[in-house]
Amino acid sequence: MQNGTNLYALDISGASFTKACGGPCTEGCVTLARIGEDAWALGDSKRPDAEPLRFTTEELDAAGIDPARFGLGA
């Protein structure tokens, strides 16, 4: 985590999540929001009440998740 920031301490109440679907999204769509300079929240549109997981840009990259696919810049 950048500068020791606890990603789960960041307020995401105003975060704007964007969907990226590889198909018809019948089982769920991944949503992504930038929540800080080097922080992201990853959610599931089919489970909007579930707490989104949080990642650094480096962690997203290691998982093969490209913010550009969501229309977001890293």
N, C-alpha and C. Protein backbone atom coordinates (compact mmCIF):
# COMPACT_ATOMS: atom_id res chain seq x y z
N MET A 1 0.84 -1.18 0.00
CA MET A 1 0.00 0.00 0.00
C MET A 1 0.88 1.24 0.00
N GLN A 2 0.52 2.17 -0.82
CA GLN A 2 1.31 3.37 -0.98
C GLN A 2 1.34 4.18 0.32
N ASN A 3 2.54 4.53 0.75
CA ASN A 3 2.75 5.33 1.96
C ASN A 3 2.05 4.74 3.19
N GLY A 4 1.88 3.42 3.23
CA GLY A 4 1.26 2.79 4.37
C GLY A 4 -0.23 3.04 4.51
N THR A 5 -0.90 3.50 3.44
CA THR A 5 -2.33 3.78 3.49
C THR A 5 -3.10 2.48 3.64
N ASN A 6 -4.04 2.46 4.57
CA ASN A 6 -4.93 1.33 4.72
C ASN A 6 -6.07 1.53 3.72
N LEU A 7 -6.11 0.72 2.69
CA LEU A 7 -7.11 0.89 1.63
C LEU A 7 -8.54 0.81 2.17
N TYR A 8 -8.75 0.01 3.20
CA TYR A 8 -10.10 -0.14 3.75
C TYR A 8 -10.49 1.01 4.68
N ALA A 9 -9.56 1.91 4.94
CA ALA A 9 -9.88 3.10 5.73
C ALA A 9 -10.34 4.25 4.83
N LEU A 10 -10.13 4.11 3.52
CA LEU A 10 -10.54 5.15 2.58
C LEU A 10 -12.06 5.17 2.44
N ASP A 11 -12.62 6.37 2.40
CA ASP A 11 -14.06 6.54 2.24
C ASP A 11 -14.42 6.33 0.77
N ILE A 12 -15.31 5.38 0.49
CA ILE A 12 -15.72 5.13 -0.89
C ILE A 12 -17.19 5.48 -1.12
N SER A 13 -17.78 6.19 -0.17
CA SER A 13 -19.22 6.50 -0.29
C SER A 13 -19.54 7.32 -1.53
N GLY A 14 -18.61 8.11 -2.03
CA GLY A 14 -18.86 8.91 -3.21
C GLY A 14 -18.20 8.36 -4.47
N ALA A 15 -17.67 7.14 -4.38
CA ALA A 15 -16.98 6.54 -5.52
C ALA A 15 -17.94 6.26 -6.66
N SER A 16 -17.46 6.47 -7.87
CA SER A 16 -18.26 6.21 -9.07
C SER A 16 -17.76 4.93 -9.72
N PHE A 17 -18.54 3.86 -9.60
CA PHE A 17 -18.16 2.56 -10.14
C PHE A 17 -18.58 2.44 -11.60
N THR A 18 -17.71 1.82 -12.40
CA THR A 18 -17.94 1.61 -13.82
C THR A 18 -17.89 0.12 -14.10
N LYS A 19 -18.80 -0.38 -14.97
CA LYS A 19 -18.84 -1.79 -15.33
C LYS A 19 -17.92 -2.08 -16.51
N ALA A 20 -17.39 -3.29 -16.51
CA ALA A 20 -16.67 -3.82 -17.68
C ALA A 20 -17.16 -5.24 -17.86
N CYS A 21 -17.76 -5.50 -18.97
CA CYS A 21 -18.31 -6.84 -19.22
C CYS A 21 -17.67 -7.42 -20.47
N GLY A 22 -17.35 -8.70 -20.39
CA GLY A 22 -16.81 -9.40 -21.54
C GLY A 22 -17.88 -10.11 -22.33
N GLY A 23 -19.09 -10.07 -21.84
CA GLY A 23 -20.18 -10.78 -22.50
C GLY A 23 -21.52 -10.21 -22.08
N PRO A 24 -22.54 -11.07 -22.02
CA PRO A 24 -23.89 -10.58 -21.72
C PRO A 24 -24.13 -10.24 -20.25
N CYS A 25 -23.20 -10.49 -19.38
CA CYS A 25 -23.33 -10.15 -17.96
C CYS A 25 -24.54 -10.83 -17.31
N THR A 26 -24.77 -12.08 -17.63
CA THR A 26 -25.90 -12.79 -17.06
C THR A 26 -25.63 -13.25 -15.64
N GLU A 27 -24.38 -13.42 -15.27
CA GLU A 27 -24.06 -13.90 -13.93
C GLU A 27 -23.45 -12.82 -13.05
N GLY A 28 -23.09 -11.71 -13.59
CA GLY A 28 -22.52 -10.63 -12.81
C GLY A 28 -21.49 -9.86 -13.61
N CYS A 29 -21.33 -8.63 -13.24
CA CYS A 29 -20.35 -7.77 -13.90
C CYS A 29 -19.42 -7.20 -12.84
N VAL A 30 -18.18 -7.13 -13.20
CA VAL A 30 -17.19 -6.51 -12.33
C VAL A 30 -17.33 -5.01 -12.46
N THR A 31 -17.25 -4.30 -11.33
CA THR A 31 -17.26 -2.85 -11.34
C THR A 31 -15.97 -2.36 -10.71
N LEU A 32 -15.50 -1.22 -11.15
CA LEU A 32 -14.24 -0.67 -10.66
C LEU A 32 -14.38 0.82 -10.45
N ALA A 33 -13.77 1.32 -9.38
CA ALA A 33 -13.75 2.75 -9.10
C ALA A 33 -12.39 3.14 -8.57
N ARG A 34 -11.91 4.29 -8.98
CA ARG A 34 -10.68 4.85 -8.39
C ARG A 34 -11.09 5.48 -7.07
N ILE A 35 -10.40 5.10 -6.00
CA ILE A 35 -10.73 5.64 -4.68
C ILE A 35 -9.57 6.41 -4.06
N GLY A 36 -8.52 6.58 -4.82
CA GLY A 36 -7.35 7.31 -4.36
C GLY A 36 -6.31 7.34 -5.46
N GLU A 37 -5.18 7.99 -5.20
CA GLU A 37 -4.13 8.13 -6.21
C GLU A 37 -3.65 6.77 -6.70
N ASP A 38 -3.49 5.82 -5.82
CA ASP A 38 -3.01 4.48 -6.16
C ASP A 38 -3.93 3.45 -5.52
N ALA A 39 -5.23 3.71 -5.56
CA ALA A 39 -6.17 2.84 -4.87
C ALA A 39 -7.43 2.64 -5.70
N TRP A 40 -7.93 1.41 -5.69
CA TRP A 40 -9.09 1.03 -6.49
C TRP A 40 -10.02 0.17 -5.66
N ALA A 41 -11.31 0.24 -5.97
CA ALA A 41 -12.30 -0.63 -5.35
C ALA A 41 -12.94 -1.46 -6.46
N LEU A 42 -13.02 -2.77 -6.23
CA LEU A 42 -13.55 -3.71 -7.21
C LEU A 42 -14.81 -4.34 -6.64
N GLY A 43 -15.91 -4.16 -7.34
CA GLY A 43 -17.18 -4.68 -6.85
C GLY A 43 -17.87 -5.60 -7.83
N ASP A 44 -19.09 -6.00 -7.48
CA ASP A 44 -19.91 -6.89 -8.29
C ASP A 44 -21.29 -6.26 -8.44
N SER A 45 -21.67 -5.93 -9.67
CA SER A 45 -22.94 -5.24 -9.90
C SER A 45 -24.15 -6.08 -9.50
N LYS A 46 -23.99 -7.38 -9.47
CA LYS A 46 -25.10 -8.26 -9.09
C LYS A 46 -25.23 -8.39 -7.56
N ARG A 47 -24.24 -7.90 -6.85
CA ARG A 47 -24.26 -7.92 -5.38
C ARG A 47 -23.90 -6.52 -4.87
N PRO A 48 -24.75 -5.53 -5.12
CA PRO A 48 -24.42 -4.15 -4.76
C PRO A 48 -24.25 -3.90 -3.26
N ASP A 49 -24.79 -4.78 -2.43
CA ASP A 49 -24.64 -4.60 -0.98
C ASP A 49 -23.34 -5.20 -0.44
N ALA A 50 -22.64 -5.98 -1.26
CA ALA A 50 -21.37 -6.58 -0.84
C ALA A 50 -20.28 -5.52 -0.83
N GLU A 51 -19.45 -5.54 0.19
CA GLU A 51 -18.34 -4.58 0.31
C GLU A 51 -17.34 -4.83 -0.82
N PRO A 52 -17.02 -3.81 -1.62
CA PRO A 52 -16.02 -3.98 -2.68
C PRO A 52 -14.64 -4.30 -2.10
N LEU A 53 -13.90 -5.09 -2.84
CA LEU A 53 -12.51 -5.37 -2.49
C LEU A 53 -11.67 -4.19 -2.93
N ARG A 54 -10.55 -3.99 -2.26
CA ARG A 54 -9.71 -2.82 -2.58
C ARG A 54 -8.30 -3.25 -2.92
N PHE A 55 -7.74 -2.56 -3.90
CA PHE A 55 -6.43 -2.92 -4.43
C PHE A 55 -5.62 -1.68 -4.78
N THR A 56 -4.30 -1.84 -4.78
CA THR A 56 -3.43 -0.81 -5.33
C THR A 56 -3.35 -1.04 -6.84
N THR A 57 -2.83 -0.07 -7.57
CA THR A 57 -2.65 -0.22 -9.02
C THR A 57 -1.74 -1.40 -9.31
N GLU A 58 -0.70 -1.57 -8.53
CA GLU A 58 0.24 -2.68 -8.71
C GLU A 58 -0.47 -4.03 -8.53
N GLU A 59 -1.34 -4.11 -7.54
CA GLU A 59 -2.09 -5.35 -7.30
C GLU A 59 -3.07 -5.64 -8.45
N LEU A 60 -3.74 -4.59 -8.95
CA LEU A 60 -4.64 -4.78 -10.10
C LEU A 60 -3.87 -5.30 -11.29
N ASP A 61 -2.70 -4.72 -11.54
CA ASP A 61 -1.86 -5.13 -12.65
C ASP A 61 -1.44 -6.59 -12.50
N ALA A 62 -1.05 -6.98 -11.30
CA ALA A 62 -0.63 -8.36 -11.04
C ALA A 62 -1.78 -9.34 -11.27
N ALA A 63 -3.01 -8.89 -11.05
CA ALA A 63 -4.19 -9.74 -11.25
C ALA A 63 -4.68 -9.70 -12.69
N GLY A 64 -4.05 -8.90 -13.53
CA GLY A 64 -4.44 -8.80 -14.93
C GLY A 64 -5.67 -7.94 -15.17
N ILE A 65 -5.96 -7.04 -14.24
CA ILE A 65 -7.12 -6.16 -14.37
C ILE A 65 -6.63 -4.80 -14.86
N ASP A 66 -7.10 -4.41 -16.04
CA ASP A 66 -6.68 -3.16 -16.66
C ASP A 66 -7.78 -2.11 -16.51
N PRO A 67 -7.52 -1.04 -15.74
CA PRO A 67 -8.52 0.01 -15.59
C PRO A 67 -9.00 0.60 -16.91
N ALA A 68 -8.18 0.54 -17.94
CA ALA A 68 -8.58 1.07 -19.25
C ALA A 68 -9.78 0.32 -19.81
N ARG A 69 -9.93 -0.94 -19.46
CA ARG A 69 -11.08 -1.73 -19.93
C ARG A 69 -12.38 -1.18 -19.35
N PHE A 70 -12.27 -0.45 -18.27
CA PHE A 70 -13.42 0.17 -17.61
C PHE A 70 -13.58 1.63 -18.03
N GLY A 71 -12.70 2.09 -18.92
CA GLY A 71 -12.71 3.48 -19.33
C GLY A 71 -12.03 4.37 -18.32
N LEU A 72 -11.20 3.78 -17.46
CA LEU A 72 -10.50 4.53 -16.41
C LEU A 72 -9.01 4.49 -16.68
N GLY A 73 -8.32 5.54 -16.34
CA GLY A 73 -6.87 5.58 -16.51
C GLY A 73 -6.15 5.19 -15.23
N ALA A 74 -5.07 4.47 -15.38
CA ALA A 74 -4.27 4.09 -14.22
C ALA A 74 -3.39 5.24 -13.90
